[in-house]
Every structure is written in C-alpha cells, then in structure tokens.
Amino acid sequence: MKVKILTVCVAVSLMGAGSAFAAYTAADSNGTKEVGTTIKATLKFSANVTSEYKNNTDGTAYVIGTSHTSGTKTYASSSGDTRIFMAEGKETTTPAAPASSDASANFDSTWTPVK
C-alpha cells in the first residue's frame, strides 16, 4: 500500500507541473496572475484517493498531496523539494506553494520525510 501511495504521489507531482504551467492565464487589470486548476480534470485516481494541489501566483511552483479516504496518512511534496513527506491523518492540509520553483515548501513538524 505504501509503495502504491508513493507511486501515485510521484506521478501526480510529475504530471502536475506540466498541467499547472499549461493552464497559465494572462494577468488581469490588477496585475494578478491566476493559474487554472485543470489538473483535477486530467488526473484519474483510484477509488477513494483524494488529492490537494496548490500553486503560487505565477504558476512556477506547486505543492501536491494525496491520501486515501480509509487510510491514516497523507503524502505530499512540492516542486522545490526532492523528498516526499508524510503526515499522520488522512486528508491533512498541505502547506502553501513555495514562492518560486527553486524554493522548498514549508513542511512543518507535522510532516516527516519518507525514507
């Protein structure tokens, strides 16, 4: 089960980067940039698997987490992290996306790196 969740998290991370970038829209009159959420429409998860996806304002960085509704853990990573993190509890809220693509997300003490 752990391998399956890790595989899903890695696959979602890789597919999410392309989907988020492709969904970029032009700045509005206030100069605010928004990124669409087409990732939800393009990914197919197993039954009862949920995900949470957050991106920064210009679409260059993201955080994504996955969990199973009957599971007890949430797995997540970000575009700036090389590790996958785990939190006890299903559907744990992921941290905000990092400000830039080379920055790490702020995975606090709730999250531990998976070894």
C-alpha atoms as a PDB file:
ATOM      1  CA  MET A   1       0.000   0.000   0.000  1.00  0.00           C
ATOM      2  CA  LYS A   2       2.826   2.403   0.907  1.00  0.00           C
ATOM      3  CA  VAL A   3       4.518   1.829  -2.457  1.00  0.00           C
ATOM      4  CA  LYS A   4       1.234   2.471  -4.277  1.00  0.00           C
ATOM      5  CA  ILE A   5       0.697   5.774  -2.452  1.00  0.00           C
ATOM      6  CA  LEU A   6       4.283   6.877  -3.126  1.00  0.00           C
ATOM      7  CA  THR A   7       3.910   5.968  -6.790  1.00  0.00           C
ATOM      8  CA  VAL A   8       0.711   7.998  -7.036  1.00  0.00           C
ATOM      9  CA  CYS A   9       2.336  10.980  -5.304  1.00  0.00           C
ATOM     10  CA  VAL A  10       5.344  10.925  -7.650  1.00  0.00           C
ATOM     11  CA  ALA A  11       3.158  10.526 -10.736  1.00  0.00           C
ATOM     12  CA  VAL A  12       0.895  13.363  -9.649  1.00  0.00           C
ATOM     13  CA  SER A  13       3.915  15.584  -8.983  1.00  0.00           C
ATOM     14  CA  LEU A  14       5.349  14.973 -12.427  1.00  0.00           C
ATOM     15  CA  MET A  15       2.046  15.423 -14.250  1.00  0.00           C
ATOM     16  CA  GLY A  16       1.009  18.380 -12.114  1.00  0.00           C
ATOM     17  CA  ALA A  17       3.944  20.541 -13.163  1.00  0.00           C
ATOM     18  CA  GLY A  18       3.039  20.350 -16.841  1.00  0.00           C
ATOM     19  CA  SER A  19      -0.675  20.770 -16.250  1.00  0.00           C
ATOM     20  CA  ALA A  20      -0.246  23.767 -13.980  1.00  0.00           C
ATOM     21  CA  PHE A  21       2.081  25.515 -16.383  1.00  0.00           C
ATOM     22  CA  ALA A  22      -0.156  24.830 -19.345  1.00  0.00           C
ATOM     23  CA  ALA A  23      -3.109  26.326 -17.518  1.00  0.00           C
ATOM     24  CA  TYR A  24      -1.458  29.728 -17.011  1.00  0.00           C
ATOM     25  CA  THR A  25      -3.627  32.702 -17.885  1.00  0.00           C
ATOM     26  CA  ALA A  26      -2.731  36.312 -18.576  1.00  0.00           C
ATOM     27  CA  ALA A  27      -2.576  38.901 -15.802  1.00  0.00           C
ATOM     28  CA  ASP A  28      -5.789  40.742 -15.038  1.00  0.00           C
ATOM     29  CA  SER A  29      -6.104  44.542 -14.795  1.00  0.00           C
ATOM     30  CA  ASN A  30      -4.623  44.490 -11.263  1.00  0.00           C
ATOM     31  CA  GLY A  31      -1.546  42.593 -12.452  1.00  0.00           C
ATOM     32  CA  THR A  32      -2.666  39.475 -10.575  1.00  0.00           C
ATOM     33  CA  LYS A  33      -1.873  36.221 -12.312  1.00  0.00           C
ATOM     34  CA  GLU A  34      -4.006  33.138 -11.841  1.00  0.00           C
ATOM     35  CA  VAL A  35      -3.386  29.542 -12.710  1.00  0.00           C
ATOM     36  CA  GLY A  36      -6.255  27.263 -13.648  1.00  0.00           C
ATOM     37  CA  THR A  37      -6.978  24.014 -11.864  1.00  0.00           C
ATOM     38  CA  THR A  38      -7.056  21.763 -14.917  1.00  0.00           C
ATOM     39  CA  ILE A  39      -5.010  19.177 -13.025  1.00  0.00           C
ATOM     40  CA  LYS A  40      -8.207  17.931 -11.364  1.00  0.00           C
ATOM     41  CA  ALA A  41      -9.740  17.227 -14.738  1.00  0.00           C
ATOM     42  CA  THR A  42      -6.712  15.489 -16.251  1.00  0.00           C
ATOM     43  CA  LEU A  43      -5.746  13.047 -13.488  1.00  0.00           C
ATOM     44  CA  LYS A  44      -7.509   9.777 -12.800  1.00  0.00           C
ATOM     45  CA  PHE A  45      -7.103   8.457  -9.267  1.00  0.00           C
ATOM     46  CA  SER A  46      -8.022   5.099  -7.813  1.00  0.00           C
ATOM     47  CA  ALA A  47     -11.323   4.876  -5.984  1.00  0.00           C
ATOM     48  CA  ASN A  48     -11.332   6.855  -2.704  1.00  0.00           C
ATOM     49  CA  VAL A  49      -7.964   8.547  -3.393  1.00  0.00           C
ATOM     50  CA  THR A  50      -8.070  12.305  -2.933  1.00  0.00           C
ATOM     51  CA  SER A  51      -5.535  14.995  -3.720  1.00  0.00           C
ATOM     52  CA  GLU A  52      -4.847  18.595  -2.862  1.00  0.00           C
ATOM     53  CA  TYR A  53      -2.987  20.861  -5.282  1.00  0.00           C
ATOM     54  CA  LYS A  54      -1.789  24.397  -4.594  1.00  0.00           C
ATOM     55  CA  ASN A  55       0.284  26.636  -6.854  1.00  0.00           C
ATOM     56  CA  ASN A  56       1.946  30.004  -6.434  1.00  0.00           C
ATOM     57  CA  THR A  57       0.596  33.110  -8.149  1.00  0.00           C
ATOM     58  CA  ASP A  58       2.689  32.840 -11.326  1.00  0.00           C
ATOM     59  CA  GLY A  59       2.327  29.086 -11.771  1.00  0.00           C
ATOM     60  CA  THR A  60       6.027  28.258 -11.394  1.00  0.00           C
ATOM     61  CA  ALA A  61       5.793  26.270  -8.149  1.00  0.00           C
ATOM     62  CA  TYR A  62       3.313  23.893  -6.574  1.00  0.00           C
ATOM     63  CA  VAL A  63       2.547  21.570  -3.660  1.00  0.00           C
ATOM     64  CA  ILE A  64       0.542  18.392  -4.072  1.00  0.00           C
ATOM     65  CA  GLY A  65      -0.660  15.859  -1.534  1.00  0.00           C
ATOM     66  CA  THR A  66      -2.551  12.574  -1.771  1.00  0.00           C
ATOM     67  CA  SER A  67      -4.389  10.340   0.670  1.00  0.00           C
ATOM     68  CA  HIS A  68      -6.893   7.505   0.723  1.00  0.00           C
ATOM     69  CA  THR A  69     -10.223   8.126   2.433  1.00  0.00           C
ATOM     70  CA  SER A  70      -9.892   4.981   4.542  1.00  0.00           C
ATOM     71  CA  GLY A  71      -6.157   5.467   5.146  1.00  0.00           C
ATOM     72  CA  THR A  72      -4.342   7.075   8.049  1.00  0.00           C
ATOM     73  CA  LYS A  73      -1.604   9.050   6.269  1.00  0.00           C
ATOM     74  CA  THR A  74      -1.183  11.838   3.743  1.00  0.00           C
ATOM     75  CA  TYR A  75       1.806  12.041   1.394  1.00  0.00           C
ATOM     76  CA  ALA A  76       2.950  15.291  -0.215  1.00  0.00           C
ATOM     77  CA  SER A  77       5.814  17.047  -1.952  1.00  0.00           C
ATOM     78  CA  SER A  78       6.469  20.308  -3.760  1.00  0.00           C
ATOM     79  CA  SER A  79       8.200  21.412  -6.939  1.00  0.00           C
ATOM     80  CA  GLY A  80      11.147  22.683  -4.894  1.00  0.00           C
ATOM     81  CA  ASP A  81      11.597  19.602  -2.684  1.00  0.00           C
ATOM     82  CA  THR A  82      13.459  16.428  -3.571  1.00  0.00           C
ATOM     83  CA  ARG A  83      11.744  14.414  -0.843  1.00  0.00           C
ATOM     84  CA  ILE A  84       8.245  13.120  -0.252  1.00  0.00           C
ATOM     85  CA  PHE A  85       6.747  13.994   3.136  1.00  0.00           C
ATOM     86  CA  MET A  86       4.216  12.070   5.222  1.00  0.00           C
ATOM     87  CA  ALA A  87       1.746  13.288   7.830  1.00  0.00           C
ATOM     88  CA  GLU A  88      -0.363  11.164  10.159  1.00  0.00           C
ATOM     89  CA  GLY A  89      -4.037  11.639   9.466  1.00  0.00           C
ATOM     90  CA  LYS A  90      -5.976  11.367   6.266  1.00  0.00           C
ATOM     91  CA  GLU A  91      -6.529  14.455   4.150  1.00  0.00           C
ATOM     92  CA  THR A  92      -4.032  16.565   6.089  1.00  0.00           C
ATOM     93  CA  THR A  93      -3.865  20.078   4.623  1.00  0.00           C
ATOM     94  CA  THR A  94      -0.705  20.689   2.618  1.00  0.00           C
ATOM     95  CA  PRO A  95       1.353  23.864   3.135  1.00  0.00           C
ATOM     96  CA  ALA A  96       1.186  26.760   0.706  1.00  0.00           C
ATOM     97  CA  ALA A  97       3.153  26.503  -2.528  1.00  0.00           C
ATOM     98  CA  PRO A  98       6.671  27.955  -2.400  1.00  0.00           C
ATOM     99  CA  ALA A  99       7.173  31.447  -3.809  1.00  0.00           C
ATOM    100  CA  SER A 100       9.451  30.226  -6.611  1.00  0.00           C
ATOM    101  CA  SER A 101      10.247  26.978  -8.388  1.00  0.00           C
ATOM    102  CA  ASP A 102      13.624  26.557  -6.651  1.00  0.00           C
ATOM    103  CA  ALA A 103      12.281  27.117  -3.112  1.00  0.00           C
ATOM    104  CA  SER A 104      11.045  24.442  -0.721  1.00  0.00           C
ATOM    105  CA  ALA A 105       7.555  24.393   0.695  1.00  0.00           C
ATOM    106  CA  ASN A 106       7.231  24.970   4.422  1.00  0.00           C
ATOM    107  CA  PHE A 107       6.587  21.406   5.591  1.00  0.00           C
ATOM    108  CA  ASP A 108       6.339  21.964   9.356  1.00  0.00           C
ATOM    109  CA  SER A 109       6.849  19.442  12.171  1.00  0.00           C
ATOM    110  CA  THR A 110       3.539  17.765  11.251  1.00  0.00           C
ATOM    111  CA  TRP A 111       5.309  16.371   8.184  1.00  0.00           C
ATOM    112  CA  THR A 112       8.239  13.919   8.217  1.00  0.00           C
ATOM    113  CA  PRO A 113      10.387  12.959   5.219  1.00  0.00           C
ATOM    114  CA  VAL A 114       9.712   9.455   3.897  1.00  0.00           C
ATOM    115  CA  LYS A 115      12.822   7.295   3.937  1.00  0.00           C
END
